[in-house]
PDB file of N, CA and C in Angstrom:
ATOM      1  N   MET A   1      10.973  14.749 -52.099  1.00  0.00           N
ATOM      2  CA  MET A   1      10.386  13.811 -51.182  1.00  0.00           C
ATOM      3  C   MET A   1      11.001  12.436 -51.393  1.00  0.00           C
ATOM      4  N   HIS A   2      11.180  11.730 -50.313  1.00  0.00           N
ATOM      5  CA  HIS A   2      11.736  10.385 -50.442  1.00  0.00           C
ATOM      6  C   HIS A   2      10.668   9.344 -50.131  1.00  0.00           C
ATOM      7  N   GLN A   3      10.931   8.160 -50.546  1.00  0.00           N
ATOM      8  CA  GLN A   3       9.995   7.061 -50.349  1.00  0.00           C
ATOM      9  C   GLN A   3      10.190   6.471 -48.956  1.00  0.00           C
ATOM     10  N   PRO A   4       9.098   5.982 -48.307  1.00  0.00           N
ATOM     11  CA  PRO A   4       9.258   5.336 -46.997  1.00  0.00           C
ATOM     12  C   PRO A   4      10.091   4.070 -47.127  1.00  0.00           C
ATOM     13  N   ALA A   5      10.774   3.706 -46.019  1.00  0.00           N
ATOM     14  CA  ALA A   5      11.638   2.532 -46.039  1.00  0.00           C
ATOM     15  C   ALA A   5      10.824   1.260 -46.250  1.00  0.00           C
ATOM     16  N   THR A   6       9.649   1.214 -45.640  1.00  0.00           N
ATOM     17  CA  THR A   6       8.792   0.040 -45.816  1.00  0.00           C
ATOM     18  C   THR A   6       7.340   0.458 -45.653  1.00  0.00           C
ATOM     19  N   THR A   7       6.478  -0.267 -46.261  1.00  0.00           N
ATOM     20  CA  THR A   7       5.044  -0.049 -46.087  1.00  0.00           C
ATOM     21  C   THR A   7       4.379  -1.252 -45.431  1.00  0.00           C
ATOM     22  N   ASN A   8       5.203  -2.223 -45.052  1.00  0.00           N
ATOM     23  CA  ASN A   8       4.695  -3.431 -44.400  1.00  0.00           C
ATOM     24  C   ASN A   8       4.280  -3.067 -42.975  1.00  0.00           C
ATOM     25  N   PRO A   9       2.990  -3.153 -42.617  1.00  0.00           N
ATOM     26  CA  PRO A   9       2.553  -2.761 -41.277  1.00  0.00           C
ATOM     27  C   PRO A   9       3.112  -3.646 -40.170  1.00  0.00           C
ATOM     28  N   LEU A  10       3.426  -4.880 -40.460  1.00  0.00           N
ATOM     29  CA  LEU A  10       3.979  -5.781 -39.448  1.00  0.00           C
ATOM     30  C   LEU A  10       5.380  -5.342 -39.033  1.00  0.00           C
ATOM     31  N   ILE A  11       6.197  -4.930 -39.977  1.00  0.00           N
ATOM     32  CA  ILE A  11       7.548  -4.452 -39.668  1.00  0.00           C
ATOM     33  C   ILE A  11       7.481  -3.130 -38.911  1.00  0.00           C
ATOM     34  N   ILE A  12       6.572  -2.252 -39.318  1.00  0.00           N
ATOM     35  CA  ILE A  12       6.410  -0.971 -38.623  1.00  0.00           C
ATOM     36  C   ILE A  12       5.984  -1.208 -37.179  1.00  0.00           C
ATOM     37  N   MET A  13       5.057  -2.157 -36.952  1.00  0.00           N
ATOM     38  CA  MET A  13       4.617  -2.469 -35.601  1.00  0.00           C
ATOM     39  C   MET A  13       5.772  -3.002 -34.757  1.00  0.00           C
ATOM     40  N   CYS A  14       6.588  -3.896 -35.325  1.00  0.00           N
ATOM     41  CA  CYS A  14       7.719  -4.458 -34.574  1.00  0.00           C
ATOM     42  C   CYS A  14       8.719  -3.367 -34.202  1.00  0.00           C
ATOM     43  N   ILE A  15       8.988  -2.447 -35.111  1.00  0.00           N
ATOM     44  CA  ILE A  15       9.918  -1.347 -34.820  1.00  0.00           C
ATOM     45  C   ILE A  15       9.355  -0.466 -33.719  1.00  0.00           C
ATOM     46  N   ASN A  16       8.077  -0.121 -33.808  1.00  0.00           N
ATOM     47  CA  ASN A  16       7.462   0.739 -32.794  1.00  0.00           C
ATOM     48  C   ASN A  16       7.436   0.064 -31.424  1.00  0.00           C
ATOM     49  N   MET A  17       7.102  -1.218 -31.372  1.00  0.00           N
ATOM     50  CA  MET A  17       7.058  -1.923 -30.090  1.00  0.00           C
ATOM     51  C   MET A  17       8.454  -2.035 -29.481  1.00  0.00           C
ATOM     52  N   THR A  18       9.469  -2.236 -30.324  1.00  0.00           N
ATOM     53  CA  THR A  18      10.840  -2.300 -29.833  1.00  0.00           C
ATOM     54  C   THR A  18      11.245  -0.973 -29.219  1.00  0.00           C
ATOM     55  N   ILE A  19      10.892   0.119 -29.869  1.00  0.00           N
ATOM     56  CA  ILE A  19      11.231   1.447 -29.338  1.00  0.00           C
ATOM     57  C   ILE A  19      10.511   1.685 -28.016  1.00  0.00           C
ATOM     58  N   VAL A  20       9.228   1.352 -27.946  1.00  0.00           N
ATOM     59  CA  VAL A  20       8.462   1.571 -26.721  1.00  0.00           C
ATOM     60  C   VAL A  20       9.051   0.784 -25.560  1.00  0.00           C
ATOM     61  N   PHE A  21       9.332  -0.500 -25.769  1.00  0.00           N
ATOM     62  CA  PHE A  21       9.858  -1.299 -24.670  1.00  0.00           C
ATOM     63  C   PHE A  21      11.283  -0.904 -24.312  1.00  0.00           C
ATOM     64  N   ALA A  22      12.076  -0.458 -25.258  1.00  0.00           N
ATOM     65  CA  ALA A  22      13.422   0.030 -24.945  1.00  0.00           C
ATOM     66  C   ALA A  22      13.341   1.266 -24.051  1.00  0.00           C
ATOM     67  N   VAL A  23      12.405   2.166 -24.336  1.00  0.00           N
ATOM     68  CA  VAL A  23      12.227   3.352 -23.501  1.00  0.00           C
ATOM     69  C   VAL A  23      11.743   2.958 -22.111  1.00  0.00           C
ATOM     70  N   LEU A  24      10.801   2.014 -22.011  1.00  0.00           N
ATOM     71  CA  LEU A  24      10.315   1.580 -20.702  1.00  0.00           C
ATOM     72  C   LEU A  24      11.419   0.922 -19.874  1.00  0.00           C
ATOM     73  N   ILE A  25      12.244   0.120 -20.491  1.00  0.00           N
ATOM     74  CA  ILE A  25      13.356  -0.517 -19.772  1.00  0.00           C
ATOM     75  C   ILE A  25      14.354   0.546 -19.324  1.00  0.00           C
ATOM     76  N   GLY A  26      14.624   1.521 -20.183  1.00  0.00           N
ATOM     77  CA  GLY A  26      15.518   2.619 -19.793  1.00  0.00           C
ATOM     78  C   GLY A  26      14.972   3.405 -18.618  1.00  0.00           C
ATOM     79  N   LEU A  27      13.664   3.667 -18.623  1.00  0.00           N
ATOM     80  CA  LEU A  27      13.057   4.375 -17.488  1.00  0.00           C
ATOM     81  C   LEU A  27      13.141   3.562 -16.201  1.00  0.00           C
ATOM     82  N   SER A  28      12.951   2.253 -16.287  1.00  0.00           N
ATOM     83  CA  SER A  28      13.040   1.435 -15.075  1.00  0.00           C
ATOM     84  C   SER A  28      14.456   1.449 -14.506  1.00  0.00           C
ATOM     85  N   PHE A  29      15.479   1.435 -15.394  1.00  0.00           N
ATOM     86  CA  PHE A  29      16.855   1.533 -14.901  1.00  0.00           C
ATOM     87  C   PHE A  29      17.119   2.883 -14.265  1.00  0.00           C
ATOM     88  N   MET A  30      16.556   3.949 -14.842  1.00  0.00           N
ATOM     89  CA  MET A  30      16.735   5.281 -14.249  1.00  0.00           C
ATOM     90  C   MET A  30      16.084   5.356 -12.872  1.00  0.00           C
ATOM     91  N   ILE A  31      14.912   4.750 -12.710  1.00  0.00           N
ATOM     92  CA  ILE A  31      14.234   4.764 -11.412  1.00  0.00           C
ATOM     93  C   ILE A  31      15.044   3.986 -10.382  1.00  0.00           C
ATOM     94  N   LYS A  32      15.591   2.826 -10.773  1.00  0.00           N
ATOM     95  CA  LYS A  32      16.416   2.051  -9.845  1.00  0.00           C
ATOM     96  C   LYS A  32      17.669   2.832  -9.448  1.00  0.00           C
ATOM     97  N   PHE A  33      18.264   3.531 -10.407  1.00  0.00           N
ATOM     98  CA  PHE A  33      19.454   4.326 -10.121  1.00  0.00           C
ATOM     99  C   PHE A  33      19.127   5.464  -9.167  1.00  0.00           C
ATOM    100  N   ILE A  34      17.998   6.114  -9.361  1.00  0.00           N
ATOM    101  CA  ILE A  34      17.594   7.202  -8.463  1.00  0.00           C
ATOM    102  C   ILE A  34      17.358   6.663  -7.059  1.00  0.00           C
ATOM    103  N   HIS A  35      16.778   5.474  -6.941  1.00  0.00           N
ATOM    104  CA  HIS A  35      16.576   4.886  -5.618  1.00  0.00           C
ATOM    105  C   HIS A  35      17.906   4.542  -4.953  1.00  0.00           C
ATOM    106  N   MET A  36      18.898   4.194  -5.738  1.00  0.00           N
ATOM    107  CA  MET A  36      20.207   3.861  -5.158  1.00  0.00           C
ATOM    108  C   MET A  36      20.897   5.101  -4.604  1.00  0.00           C
ATOM    109  N   ILE A  37      20.766   6.246  -5.260  1.00  0.00           N
ATOM    110  CA  ILE A  37      21.482   7.444  -4.830  1.00  0.00           C
ATOM    111  C   ILE A  37      20.569   8.426  -4.104  1.00  0.00           C
ATOM    112  N   ASP A  38      19.427   7.978  -3.640  1.00  0.00           N
ATOM    113  CA  ASP A  38      18.438   8.837  -3.001  1.00  0.00           C
ATOM    114  C   ASP A  38      19.029   9.515  -1.765  1.00  0.00           C
ATOM    115  N   PRO A  39      19.165  10.868  -1.771  1.00  0.00           N
ATOM    116  CA  PRO A  39      19.740  11.552  -0.611  1.00  0.00           C
ATOM    117  C   PRO A  39      18.758  11.671   0.550  1.00  0.00           C
ATOM    118  N   THR A  40      17.473  11.493   0.316  1.00  0.00           N
ATOM    119  CA  THR A  40      16.507  11.633   1.399  1.00  0.00           C
ATOM    120  C   THR A  40      16.307  10.347   2.176  1.00  0.00           C
ATOM    121  N   LYS A  41      16.911   9.264   1.704  1.00  0.00           N
ATOM    122  CA  LYS A  41      16.769   7.987   2.386  1.00  0.00           C
ATOM    123  C   LYS A  41      17.541   8.046   3.707  1.00  0.00           C
ATOM    124  N   PRO A  42      16.927   7.599   4.821  1.00  0.00           N
ATOM    125  CA  PRO A  42      17.648   7.622   6.097  1.00  0.00           C
ATOM    126  C   PRO A  42      18.843   6.678   6.069  1.00  0.00           C
ATOM    127  N   LYS A  43      19.896   7.107   6.720  1.00  0.00           N
ATOM    128  CA  LYS A  43      21.119   6.297   6.761  1.00  0.00           C
ATOM    129  C   LYS A  43      20.884   5.072   7.639  1.00  0.00           C
ATOM    130  N   GLU A  44      21.341   3.939   7.159  1.00  0.00           N
ATOM    131  CA  GLU A  44      21.209   2.710   7.925  1.00  0.00           C
ATOM    132  C   GLU A  44      22.357   2.598   8.904  1.00  0.00           C
ATOM    133  N   LYS A  45      22.001   2.378  10.160  1.00  0.00           N
ATOM    134  CA  LYS A  45      23.026   2.212  11.178  1.00  0.00           C
ATOM    135  C   LYS A  45      23.399   0.745  11.260  1.00  0.00           C
ATOM    136  N   LYS A  46      24.688   0.498  11.317  1.00  0.00           N
ATOM    137  CA  LYS A  46      25.139  -0.884  11.434  1.00  0.00           C
ATOM    138  C   LYS A  46      24.986  -1.317  12.885  1.00  0.00           C
ATOM    139  N   GLU A  47      24.365  -2.464  13.042  1.00  0.00           N
ATOM    140  CA  GLU A  47      24.140  -2.972  14.390  1.00  0.00           C
ATOM    141  C   GLU A  47      25.389  -3.671  14.898  1.00  0.00           C
ATOM    142  N   GLU A  48      25.569  -3.583  16.210  1.00  0.00           N
ATOM    143  CA  GLU A  48      26.687  -4.277  16.831  1.00  0.00           C
ATOM    144  C   GLU A  48      26.324  -5.756  16.929  1.00  0.00           C
ATOM    145  N   ALA A  49      27.242  -6.522  17.469  1.00  0.00           N
ATOM    146  CA  ALA A  49      27.011  -7.956  17.602  1.00  0.00           C
ATOM    147  C   ALA A  49      25.701  -8.194  18.350  1.00  0.00           C
ATOM    148  N   PRO A  50      24.897  -9.097  17.879  1.00  0.00           N
ATOM    149  CA  PRO A  50      23.612  -9.331  18.545  1.00  0.00           C
ATOM    150  C   PRO A  50      23.828  -9.880  19.948  1.00  0.00           C
ATOM    151  N   LYS A  51      23.014  -9.373  20.840  1.00  0.00           N
ATOM    152  CA  LYS A  51      23.083  -9.834  22.226  1.00  0.00           C
ATOM    153  C   LYS A  51      22.269 -11.108  22.363  1.00  0.00           C
ATOM    154  N   ALA A  52      22.512 -11.822  23.439  1.00  0.00           N
ATOM    155  CA  ALA A  52      21.785 -13.064  23.678  1.00  0.00           C
ATOM    156  C   ALA A  52      20.307 -12.757  23.828  1.00  0.00           C
ATOM    157  N   ALA A  53      19.495 -13.538  23.190  1.00  0.00           N
ATOM    158  CA  ALA A  53      18.054 -13.320  23.250  1.00  0.00           C
ATOM    159  C   ALA A  53      17.541 -13.719  24.623  1.00  0.00           C
ATOM    160  N   PRO A  54      16.663 -12.907  25.202  1.00  0.00           N
ATOM    161  CA  PRO A  54      16.099 -13.277  26.504  1.00  0.00           C
ATOM    162  C   PRO A  54      15.169 -14.477  26.356  1.00  0.00           C
ATOM    163  N   ALA A  55      14.988 -15.171  27.460  1.00  0.00           N
ATOM    164  CA  ALA A  55      14.115 -16.341  27.435  1.00  0.00           C
ATOM    165  C   ALA A  55      12.702 -15.900  27.088  1.00  0.00           C
ATOM    166  N   ALA A  56      12.027 -16.712  26.328  1.00  0.00           N
ATOM    167  CA  ALA A  56      10.672 -16.378  25.899  1.00  0.00           C
ATOM    168  C   ALA A  56       9.735 -16.377  27.098  1.00  0.00           C
ATOM    169  N   ALA A  57       8.954 -15.326  27.199  1.00  0.00           N
ATOM    170  CA  ALA A  57       7.981 -15.228  28.282  1.00  0.00           C
ATOM    171  C   ALA A  57       6.768 -16.080  27.922  1.00  0.00           C
ATOM    172  N   PRO A  58       6.110 -16.626  28.918  1.00  0.00           N
ATOM    173  CA  PRO A  58       4.915 -17.423  28.622  1.00  0.00           C
ATOM    174  C   PRO A  58       3.847 -16.524  27.994  1.00  0.00           C
ATOM    175  N   VAL A  59       3.153 -17.070  27.035  1.00  0.00           N
ATOM    176  CA  VAL A  59       2.131 -16.309  26.330  1.00  0.00           C
ATOM    177  C   VAL A  59       0.892 -16.231  27.195  1.00  0.00           C
ATOM    178  N   ALA A  60       0.464 -15.001  27.478  1.00  0.00           N
ATOM    179  CA  ALA A  60      -0.737 -14.810  28.279  1.00  0.00           C
ATOM    180  C   ALA A  60      -1.945 -14.769  27.363  1.00  0.00           C
ATOM    181  N   ALA A  61      -3.087 -15.103  27.913  1.00  0.00           N
ATOM    182  CA  ALA A  61      -4.317 -15.069  27.136  1.00  0.00           C
ATOM    183  C   ALA A  61      -4.646 -13.626  26.797  1.00  0.00           C
ATOM    184  N   ALA A  62      -5.220 -13.418  25.640  1.00  0.00           N
ATOM    185  CA  ALA A  62      -5.580 -12.069  25.209  1.00  0.00           C
ATOM    186  C   ALA A  62      -6.671 -11.537  26.131  1.00  0.00           C
ATOM    187  N   PRO A  63      -6.558 -10.257  26.503  1.00  0.00           N
ATOM    188  CA  PRO A  63      -7.585  -9.703  27.390  1.00  0.00           C
ATOM    189  C   PRO A  63      -8.912  -9.607  26.654  1.00  0.00           C
ATOM    190  N   ALA A  64      -9.975  -9.709  27.410  1.00  0.00           N
ATOM    191  CA  ALA A  64     -11.303  -9.630  26.819  1.00  0.00           C
ATOM    192  C   ALA A  64     -11.545  -8.210  26.326  1.00  0.00           C
ATOM    193  N   ALA A  65     -12.324  -8.071  25.269  1.00  0.00           N
ATOM    194  CA  ALA A  65     -12.629  -6.758  24.723  1.00  0.00           C
ATOM    195  C   ALA A  65     -13.414  -5.964  25.758  1.00  0.00           C
ATOM    196  N   PRO A  66     -13.061  -4.686  25.924  1.00  0.00           N
ATOM    197  CA  PRO A  66     -13.781  -3.891  26.920  1.00  0.00           C
ATOM    198  C   PRO A  66     -15.220  -3.666  26.484  1.00  0.00           C
ATOM    199  N   ALA A  67     -16.093  -3.568  27.467  1.00  0.00           N
ATOM    200  CA  ALA A  67     -17.498  -3.330  27.167  1.00  0.00           C
ATOM    201  C   ALA A  67     -17.657  -1.917  26.626  1.00  0.00           C
ATOM    202  N   VAL A  68     -18.431  -1.758  25.570  1.00  0.00           N
ATOM    203  CA  VAL A  68     -18.632  -0.447  24.950  1.00  0.00           C
ATOM    204  C   VAL A  68     -19.787   0.243  25.648  1.00  0.00           C
ATOM    205  N   ASP A  69     -19.513   1.452  26.112  1.00  0.00           N
ATOM    206  CA  ASP A  69     -20.533   2.240  26.787  1.00  0.00           C
ATOM    207  C   ASP A  69     -21.401   2.925  25.737  1.00  0.00           C
ATOM    208  N   PRO A  70     -22.717   2.704  25.748  1.00  0.00           N
ATOM    209  CA  PRO A  70     -23.569   3.336  24.739  1.00  0.00           C
ATOM    210  C   PRO A  70     -23.606   4.855  24.871  1.00  0.00           C
ATOM    211  N   ASN A  71     -23.273   5.364  26.041  1.00  0.00           N
ATOM    212  CA  ASN A  71     -23.283   6.816  26.234  1.00  0.00           C
ATOM    213  C   ASN A  71     -22.004   7.476  25.724  1.00  0.00           C
ATOM    214  N   LEU A  72     -21.044   6.667  25.272  1.00  0.00           N
ATOM    215  CA  LEU A  72     -19.781   7.219  24.791  1.00  0.00           C
ATOM    216  C   LEU A  72     -19.992   8.070  23.538  1.00  0.00           C
ATOM    217  N   ASN A  73     -20.843   7.606  22.623  1.00  0.00           N
ATOM    218  CA  ASN A  73     -21.117   8.391  21.418  1.00  0.00           C
ATOM    219  C   ASN A  73     -21.745   9.734  21.771  1.00  0.00           C
ATOM    220  N   ILE A  74     -22.645   9.737  22.732  1.00  0.00           N
ATOM    221  CA  ILE A  74     -23.290  10.983  23.147  1.00  0.00           C
ATOM    222  C   ILE A  74     -22.254  11.933  23.735  1.00  0.00           C
ATOM    223  N   ALA A  75     -21.337  11.402  24.535  1.00  0.00           N
ATOM    224  CA  ALA A  75     -20.301  12.242  25.127  1.00  0.00           C
ATOM    225  C   ALA A  75     -19.388  12.827  24.064  1.00  0.00           C
ATOM    226  N   VAL A  76     -19.047  12.041  23.059  1.00  0.00           N
ATOM    227  CA  VAL A  76     -18.159  12.512  21.995  1.00  0.00           C
ATOM    228  C   VAL A  76     -18.850  13.595  21.166  1.00  0.00           C
ATOM    229  N   ILE A  77     -20.107  13.384  20.822  1.00  0.00           N
ATOM    230  CA  ILE A  77     -20.833  14.391  20.047  1.00  0.00           C
ATOM    231  C   ILE A  77     -21.014  15.665  20.856  1.00  0.00           C
ATOM    232  N   SER A  78     -21.317  15.533  22.133  1.00  0.00           N
ATOM    233  CA  SER A  78     -21.460  16.718  22.988  1.00  0.00           C
ATOM    234  C   SER A  78     -20.150  17.493  23.088  1.00  0.00           C
ATOM    235  N   ALA A  79     -19.046  16.776  23.225  1.00  0.00           N
ATOM    236  CA  ALA A  79     -17.742  17.436  23.307  1.00  0.00           C
ATOM    237  C   ALA A  79     -17.413  18.145  21.997  1.00  0.00           C
ATOM    238  N   ALA A  80     -17.773  17.544  20.872  1.00  0.00           N
ATOM    239  CA  ALA A  80     -17.501  18.169  19.581  1.00  0.00           C
ATOM    240  C   ALA A  80     -18.309  19.446  19.411  1.00  0.00           C
ATOM    241  N   VAL A  81     -19.588  19.433  19.839  1.00  0.00           N
ATOM    242  CA  VAL A  81     -20.414  20.639  19.745  1.00  0.00           C
ATOM    243  C   VAL A  81     -19.884  21.709  20.674  1.00  0.00           C
ATOM    244  N   ALA A  82     -19.467  21.322  21.870  1.00  0.00           N
ATOM    245  CA  ALA A  82     -18.932  22.289  22.824  1.00  0.00           C
ATOM    246  C   ALA A  82     -17.611  22.866  22.333  1.00  0.00           C
ATOM    247  N   ALA A  83     -16.779  22.051  21.713  1.00  0.00           N
ATOM    248  CA  ALA A  83     -15.489  22.534  21.219  1.00  0.00           C
ATOM    249  C   ALA A  83     -15.669  23.486  20.048  1.00  0.00           C
ATOM    250  N   TYR A  84     -16.740  23.302  19.290  1.00  0.00           N
ATOM    251  CA  TYR A  84     -16.989  24.179  18.150  1.00  0.00           C
ATOM    252  C   TYR A  84     -17.400  25.566  18.621  1.00  0.00           C
ATOM    253  N   GLY A  85     -17.884  25.675  19.857  1.00  0.00           N
ATOM    254  CA  GLY A  85     -18.179  26.973  20.443  1.00  0.00           C
ATOM    255  C   GLY A  85     -19.539  27.523  20.078  1.00  0.00           C
ATOM    256  N   LEU A  86     -20.492  26.686  19.758  1.00  0.00           N
ATOM    257  CA  LEU A  86     -21.818  27.177  19.402  1.00  0.00           C
ATOM    258  C   LEU A  86     -22.642  27.521  20.639  1.00  0.00           C
ATOM    259  N   GLY A  87     -22.354  26.888  21.742  1.00  0.00           N
ATOM    260  CA  GLY A  87     -23.142  27.114  22.950  1.00  0.00           C
ATOM    261  C   GLY A  87     -24.530  26.513  22.807  1.00  0.00           C
ATOM    262  N   ALA A  88     -24.681  25.556  21.925  1.00  0.00           N
ATOM    263  CA  ALA A  88     -25.980  24.942  21.688  1.00  0.00           C
ATOM    264  C   ALA A  88     -26.253  23.871  22.729  1.00  0.00           C
ATOM    265  N   LYS A  89     -27.523  23.611  22.931  1.00  0.00           N
ATOM    266  CA  LYS A  89     -27.936  22.570  23.858  1.00  0.00           C
ATOM    267  C   LYS A  89     -28.400  21.377  23.032  1.00  0.00           C
ATOM    268  N   ILE A  90     -27.832  20.225  23.326  1.00  0.00           N
ATOM    269  CA  ILE A  90     -28.203  19.016  22.604  1.00  0.00           C
ATOM    270  C   ILE A  90     -29.471  18.464  23.225  1.00  0.00           C
ATOM    271  N   VAL A  91     -30.518  18.367  22.416  1.00  0.00           N
ATOM    272  CA  VAL A  91     -31.803  17.894  22.911  1.00  0.00           C
ATOM    273  C   VAL A  91     -31.941  16.392  22.692  1.00  0.00           C
ATOM    274  N   ALA A  92     -31.563  15.915  21.496  1.00  0.00           N
ATOM    275  CA  ALA A  92     -31.693  14.496  21.201  1.00  0.00           C
ATOM    276  C   ALA A  92     -30.658  14.104  20.165  1.00  0.00           C
ATOM    277  N   ILE A  93     -30.199  12.876  20.279  1.00  0.00           N
ATOM    278  CA  ILE A  93     -29.295  12.309  19.285  1.00  0.00           C
ATOM    279  C   ILE A  93     -29.918  11.006  18.840  1.00  0.00           C
ATOM    280  N   ARG A  94     -30.274  10.965  17.556  1.00  0.00           N
ATOM    281  CA  ARG A  94     -30.876   9.749  17.019  1.00  0.00           C
ATOM    282  C   ARG A  94     -30.418   9.570  15.580  1.00  0.00           C
ATOM    283  N   PRO A  95     -30.301   8.343  15.129  1.00  0.00           N
ATOM    284  CA  PRO A  95     -29.885   8.121  13.732  1.00  0.00           C
ATOM    285  C   PRO A  95     -30.986   8.570  12.775  1.00  0.00           C
ATOM    286  N   ILE A  96     -30.559   9.058  11.635  1.00  0.00           N
ATOM    287  CA  ILE A  96     -31.525   9.490  10.629  1.00  0.00           C
ATOM    288  C   ILE A  96     -31.895   8.290   9.776  1.00  0.00           C
ATOM    289  N   GLU A  97     -33.163   7.995   9.744  1.00  0.00           N
ATOM    290  CA  GLU A  97     -33.657   6.888   8.925  1.00  0.00           C
ATOM    291  C   GLU A  97     -34.081   7.474   7.587  1.00  0.00           C
ATOM    292  N   SER A  98     -33.226   7.335   6.601  1.00  0.00           N
ATOM    293  CA  SER A  98     -33.516   7.881   5.284  1.00  0.00           C
ATOM    294  C   SER A  98     -33.086   6.887   4.227  1.00  0.00           C
ATOM    295  N   ALA A  99     -33.971   6.661   3.284  1.00  0.00           N
ATOM    296  CA  ALA A  99     -33.656   5.753   2.189  1.00  0.00           C
ATOM    297  C   ALA A  99     -33.285   6.540   0.942  1.00  0.00           C
ATOM    298  N   GLY A 100     -32.976   7.825   1.104  1.00  0.00           N
ATOM    299  CA  GLY A 100     -32.677   8.686  -0.035  1.00  0.00           C
ATOM    300  C   GLY A 100     -31.516   8.188  -0.871  1.00  0.00           C
ATOM    301  N   TRP A 101     -30.410   7.817  -0.230  1.00  0.00           N
ATOM    302  CA  TRP A 101     -29.241   7.341  -0.973  1.00  0.00           C
ATOM    303  C   TRP A 101     -29.553   6.043  -1.694  1.00  0.00           C
ATOM    304  N   LYS A 102     -30.310   5.174  -1.037  1.00  0.00           N
ATOM    305  CA  LYS A 102     -30.667   3.914  -1.674  1.00  0.00           C
ATOM    306  C   LYS A 102     -31.521   4.164  -2.913  1.00  0.00           C
ATOM    307  N   ASN A 103     -32.484   5.080  -2.776  1.00  0.00           N
ATOM    308  CA  ASN A 103     -33.383   5.346  -3.903  1.00  0.00           C
ATOM    309  C   ASN A 103     -32.646   5.987  -5.068  1.00  0.00           C
ATOM    310  N   VAL A 104     -31.723   6.893  -4.790  1.00  0.00           N
ATOM    311  CA  VAL A 104     -30.951   7.513  -5.860  1.00  0.00           C
ATOM    312  C   VAL A 104     -30.090   6.467  -6.563  1.00  0.00           C
ATOM    313  N   GLY A 105     -29.480   5.573  -5.807  1.00  0.00           N
ATOM    314  CA  GLY A 105     -28.682   4.511  -6.400  1.00  0.00           C
ATOM    315  C   GLY A 105     -29.521   3.593  -7.272  1.00  0.00           C
ATOM    316  N   ARG A 106     -30.721   3.275  -6.802  1.00  0.00           N
ATOM    317  CA  ARG A 106     -31.605   2.427  -7.608  1.00  0.00           C
ATOM    318  C   ARG A 106     -32.019   3.137  -8.890  1.00  0.00           C
ATOM    319  N   ALA A 107     -32.359   4.439  -8.778  1.00  0.00           N
ATOM    320  CA  ALA A 107     -32.771   5.192  -9.967  1.00  0.00           C
ATOM    321  C   ALA A 107     -31.633   5.267 -10.987  1.00  0.00           C
ATOM    322  N   ASN A 108     -30.408   5.501 -10.509  1.00  0.00           N
ATOM    323  CA  ASN A 108     -29.267   5.542 -11.428  1.00  0.00           C
ATOM    324  C   ASN A 108     -29.033   4.183 -12.073  1.00  0.00           C
ATOM    325  N   GLY A 109     -29.221   3.132 -11.303  1.00  0.00           N
ATOM    326  CA  GLY A 109     -29.041   1.797 -11.853  1.00  0.00           C
ATOM    327  C   GLY A 109     -30.064   1.475 -12.926  1.00  0.00           C
ATOM    328  N   VAL A 110     -31.298   1.932 -12.726  1.00  0.00           N
ATOM    329  CA  VAL A 110     -32.342   1.695 -13.711  1.00  0.00           C
ATOM    330  C   VAL A 110     -32.076   2.511 -14.974  1.00  0.00           C
ATOM    331  N   GLN A 111     -31.647   3.762 -14.786  1.00  0.00           N
ATOM    332  CA  GLN A 111     -31.397   4.630 -15.940  1.00  0.00           C
ATOM    333  C   GLN A 111     -30.214   4.129 -16.777  1.00  0.00           C
ATOM    334  N   ASN A 112     -29.215   3.531 -16.132  1.00  0.00           N
ATOM    335  CA  ASN A 112     -28.013   3.112 -16.834  1.00  0.00           C
ATOM    336  C   ASN A 112     -28.090   1.671 -17.341  1.00  0.00           C
ATOM    337  N   THR A 113     -29.247   1.045 -17.219  1.00  0.00           N
ATOM    338  CA  THR A 113     -29.401  -0.335 -17.667  1.00  0.00           C
ATOM    339  C   THR A 113     -29.423  -0.371 -19.187  1.00  0.00           C
ATOM    340  N   VAL A 114     -28.625  -1.259 -19.749  1.00  0.00           N
ATOM    341  CA  VAL A 114     -28.564  -1.399 -21.196  1.00  0.00           C
ATOM    342  C   VAL A 114     -29.457  -2.554 -21.600  1.00  0.00           C
ATOM    343  N   PHE A 115     -30.374  -2.278 -22.500  1.00  0.00           N
ATOM    344  CA  PHE A 115     -31.291  -3.323 -22.957  1.00  0.00           C
ATOM    345  C   PHE A 115     -30.875  -3.854 -24.275  1.00  0.00           C
TER     346      PHE A 115
END
């Protein structure tokens, strides 16, 4: 058995950190090299001489947002049920008022509180 070269933890740390960063720098160079020779990258086409830019058109005002039809959601849900092929009749569409998720979140928050 041979004796270790050093037992000084500071020197061992410096050697280990140097090795780690040398490997990371080597990996970054390998990644850059792979990006340079990437065969899946689309070929860049060289553009011909730029043509004269057309005169700027006057800026028109942005169109107003279209009015949202409240029956649109009903139509979309009906179409989805019909496309699924159930042949079901939609009687009512209403949001579910449930505080279940809120209560579970509150209970988890209370249980995980550190005192």
